[in-house]
N, C-alpha and C. Protein backbone atom coordinates (compact mmCIF):
# COMPACT_ATOMS: atom_id res chain seq x y z
N MET A 1 23.83 2.23 -18.55
CA MET A 1 23.10 1.77 -18.37
C MET A 1 22.35 0.92 -19.46
N LYS A 2 22.01 -0.03 -19.58
CA LYS A 2 20.91 -0.59 -20.76
C LYS A 2 19.86 -1.29 -19.80
N TRP A 3 18.51 -1.83 -20.38
CA TRP A 3 17.68 -2.73 -19.55
C TRP A 3 18.11 -4.12 -19.34
N THR A 4 19.30 -4.29 -19.86
CA THR A 4 19.50 -5.75 -19.44
C THR A 4 20.74 -5.64 -18.55
N ASP A 5 20.79 -4.30 -17.76
CA ASP A 5 21.89 -4.39 -16.84
C ASP A 5 21.17 -4.59 -15.67
N ILE A 6 20.18 -5.78 -15.41
CA ILE A 6 19.49 -5.81 -14.60
C ILE A 6 20.17 -5.64 -12.82
N HIS A 7 20.91 -6.30 -12.66
CA HIS A 7 21.44 -6.44 -11.37
C HIS A 7 22.37 -5.03 -10.93
N GLN A 8 22.76 -4.28 -12.44
CA GLN A 8 22.80 -2.80 -11.85
C GLN A 8 22.14 -2.05 -11.50
N ILE A 9 21.19 -2.18 -12.01
CA ILE A 9 19.69 -1.63 -11.89
C ILE A 9 19.25 -1.60 -10.47
N ALA A 10 19.20 -2.93 -10.18
CA ALA A 10 19.07 -3.38 -9.13
C ALA A 10 19.08 -2.67 -7.64
N ILE A 11 20.77 -2.23 -7.61
CA ILE A 11 21.26 -2.15 -6.92
C ILE A 11 21.24 -0.69 -6.83
N CYS A 12 21.46 0.10 -7.82
CA CYS A 12 20.97 1.44 -8.25
C CYS A 12 19.36 1.90 -7.63
N LEU A 13 18.60 1.24 -7.39
CA LEU A 13 17.60 1.33 -6.95
C LEU A 13 17.39 1.00 -5.72
N ALA A 14 18.12 -0.06 -5.19
CA ALA A 14 18.07 -0.51 -3.94
C ALA A 14 18.77 0.82 -2.96
N ASP A 15 20.01 1.92 -3.85
CA ASP A 15 20.56 2.67 -3.25
C ASP A 15 19.86 3.80 -3.29
N SER A 16 19.23 4.29 -3.78
CA SER A 16 18.16 5.67 -4.17
C SER A 16 16.56 5.07 -3.81
N LYS A 17 16.20 4.32 -3.52
CA LYS A 17 15.22 4.23 -2.90
C LYS A 17 15.60 3.72 -1.47
N PRO A 18 15.83 3.61 -0.49
CA PRO A 18 16.30 2.90 0.53
C PRO A 18 15.24 2.60 1.82
N ASP A 19 13.97 3.20 1.41
CA ASP A 19 12.62 3.25 1.82
C ASP A 19 11.70 2.52 1.21
N THR A 20 11.62 1.98 0.30
CA THR A 20 10.63 1.34 -1.31
C THR A 20 11.13 0.03 -0.57
N ASP A 21 9.89 -0.64 -0.36
CA ASP A 21 9.49 -2.37 -0.53
C ASP A 21 9.38 -2.73 -2.18
N PRO A 22 10.55 -3.49 -3.16
CA PRO A 22 10.39 -3.30 -4.32
C PRO A 22 9.07 -4.61 -4.64
N ARG A 23 8.57 -5.27 -3.30
CA ARG A 23 7.56 -6.12 -3.45
C ARG A 23 6.01 -5.20 -4.18
N TYR A 24 6.37 -3.68 -3.85
CA TYR A 24 4.87 -3.23 -3.64
C TYR A 24 5.25 -2.18 -4.80
N VAL A 25 5.83 -2.19 -5.40
CA VAL A 25 6.37 -1.03 -6.64
C VAL A 25 5.45 -1.40 -7.71
N ASN A 26 4.87 -0.31 -8.38
CA ASN A 26 3.73 -0.73 -10.17
C ASN A 26 4.89 -0.78 -10.83
N PHE A 27 4.58 -1.37 -12.06
CA PHE A 27 5.70 -1.16 -13.09
C PHE A 27 5.86 -0.12 -13.93
N VAL A 28 4.51 0.81 -13.72
CA VAL A 28 5.38 2.47 -13.90
C VAL A 28 5.71 2.99 -13.71
N ASP A 29 5.52 3.18 -11.90
CA ASP A 29 6.77 3.83 -11.48
C ASP A 29 7.97 2.78 -11.42
N LEU A 30 8.66 1.74 -11.65
CA LEU A 30 9.76 1.11 -11.57
C LEU A 30 10.11 1.19 -13.07
N ARG A 31 9.31 1.58 -14.06
CA ARG A 31 9.89 1.81 -15.18
C ARG A 31 10.42 2.85 -15.24
N ASN A 32 9.86 3.89 -14.73
CA ASN A 32 10.04 5.61 -14.74
C ASN A 32 11.44 5.86 -13.56
N TRP A 33 11.85 5.22 -12.51
CA TRP A 33 12.54 5.40 -12.04
C TRP A 33 13.93 4.38 -12.49
N VAL A 34 13.73 3.47 -13.40
CA VAL A 34 15.16 3.14 -14.28
C VAL A 34 15.22 4.41 -14.67
N MET A 35 14.32 4.59 -15.72
CA MET A 35 14.94 5.31 -16.92
C MET A 35 15.16 6.75 -16.36
N ALA A 36 15.27 7.57 -14.66
CA ALA A 36 15.40 8.26 -13.78
C ALA A 36 17.08 8.48 -13.36
N LEU A 37 17.22 7.07 -13.30
CA LEU A 37 18.77 6.77 -13.02
C LEU A 37 19.95 7.50 -13.63
N PRO A 38 20.70 8.24 -12.97
CA PRO A 38 21.71 8.94 -13.72
C PRO A 38 22.42 8.60 -14.64
N ASP A 39 23.09 7.42 -14.82
CA ASP A 39 23.65 6.56 -15.62
C ASP A 39 23.01 5.92 -16.40
N PHE A 40 21.49 5.66 -16.65
CA PHE A 40 20.96 4.94 -17.69
C PHE A 40 20.28 5.67 -18.37
N ASN A 41 20.70 4.77 -19.78
CA ASN A 41 20.71 5.56 -21.31
C ASN A 41 20.74 4.42 -22.59
N ASP A 42 18.96 3.69 -21.98
CA ASP A 42 18.91 3.05 -23.05
C ASP A 42 16.91 3.47 -23.60
N ASP A 43 16.94 3.13 -24.20
CA ASP A 43 15.82 3.13 -25.21
C ASP A 43 14.25 3.24 -24.60
N PRO A 44 13.97 4.05 -24.10
CA PRO A 44 12.21 3.41 -23.25
C PRO A 44 11.47 1.83 -24.17
N LYS A 45 11.89 2.02 -25.61
CA LYS A 45 10.57 0.87 -26.01
C LYS A 45 11.13 -0.46 -26.06
N HIS A 46 12.69 -0.49 -25.63
CA HIS A 46 13.37 -1.65 -25.10
C HIS A 46 12.84 -2.42 -23.40
N SER A 47 11.91 -1.46 -22.80
CA SER A 47 11.82 -2.46 -21.72
C SER A 47 10.20 -3.15 -22.04
N GLY A 48 10.15 -4.35 -21.07
CA GLY A 48 8.68 -4.69 -21.05
C GLY A 48 8.62 -5.41 -19.80
N GLU A 49 7.65 -6.22 -19.90
CA GLU A 49 7.05 -6.73 -18.52
C GLU A 49 8.29 -7.97 -18.21
N LYS A 50 8.54 -8.62 -19.00
CA LYS A 50 9.94 -9.41 -18.27
C LYS A 50 10.75 -8.91 -17.89
N ILE A 51 11.69 -7.42 -18.33
CA ILE A 51 12.53 -7.05 -18.06
C ILE A 51 12.41 -6.33 -17.09
N LEU A 52 10.99 -5.42 -16.72
CA LEU A 52 11.16 -5.09 -15.27
C LEU A 52 10.51 -6.40 -14.13
N GLU A 53 9.89 -7.53 -14.62
CA GLU A 53 10.00 -8.40 -13.21
C GLU A 53 11.24 -8.79 -12.81
N ALA A 54 11.98 -8.98 -13.94
CA ALA A 54 13.57 -9.66 -13.58
C ALA A 54 13.94 -8.46 -12.74
N ILE A 55 14.38 -7.00 -12.71
CA ILE A 55 14.61 -5.98 -12.25
C ILE A 55 13.86 -6.22 -10.95
N GLN A 56 12.45 -6.23 -10.33
CA GLN A 56 12.04 -5.85 -9.77
C GLN A 56 12.22 -7.30 -8.73
N ALA A 57 12.64 -9.10 -9.27
CA ALA A 57 13.17 -9.42 -8.25
C ALA A 57 14.82 -9.32 -8.28
N ALA A 58 15.55 -9.02 -8.88
CA ALA A 58 16.93 -8.62 -8.66
C ALA A 58 17.01 -7.60 -7.50
N TRP A 59 15.97 -6.69 -7.44
CA TRP A 59 15.95 -5.63 -6.41
C TRP A 59 15.44 -6.28 -4.84
N ILE A 60 14.54 -7.11 -4.99
CA ILE A 60 14.07 -7.63 -3.37
C ILE A 60 15.20 -8.31 -3.39
N GLU A 61 15.51 -9.27 -4.30
CA GLU A 61 16.76 -10.32 -3.81
C GLU A 61 18.04 -8.86 -2.99
N GLU A 62 18.22 -7.91 -3.80
CA GLU A 62 18.90 -6.89 -3.38
C GLU A 62 19.00 -6.57 -1.59
N ASN A 63 17.77 -6.24 -1.39
CA ASN A 63 17.52 -6.11 -0.48
C ASN A 63 17.16 -6.94 0.71
N GLU A 64 17.32 -8.17 0.74
CA GLU A 64 17.44 -9.11 1.47
C GLU A 64 18.81 -9.54 2.06
């Protein structure tokens, strides 16, 4: 997975962190959790606030 695989990342986060409310996750934790996903293999430097916001929004949507 790459940073741009926003929906796939959101699904993986929802599965791996079922008790976490994504509305209250800070971007430092979110970035670390994404990088820790087993299938994630992108350059950490390619993450940014806009990508993290999009992942968070997709994760919120996935939980609804």
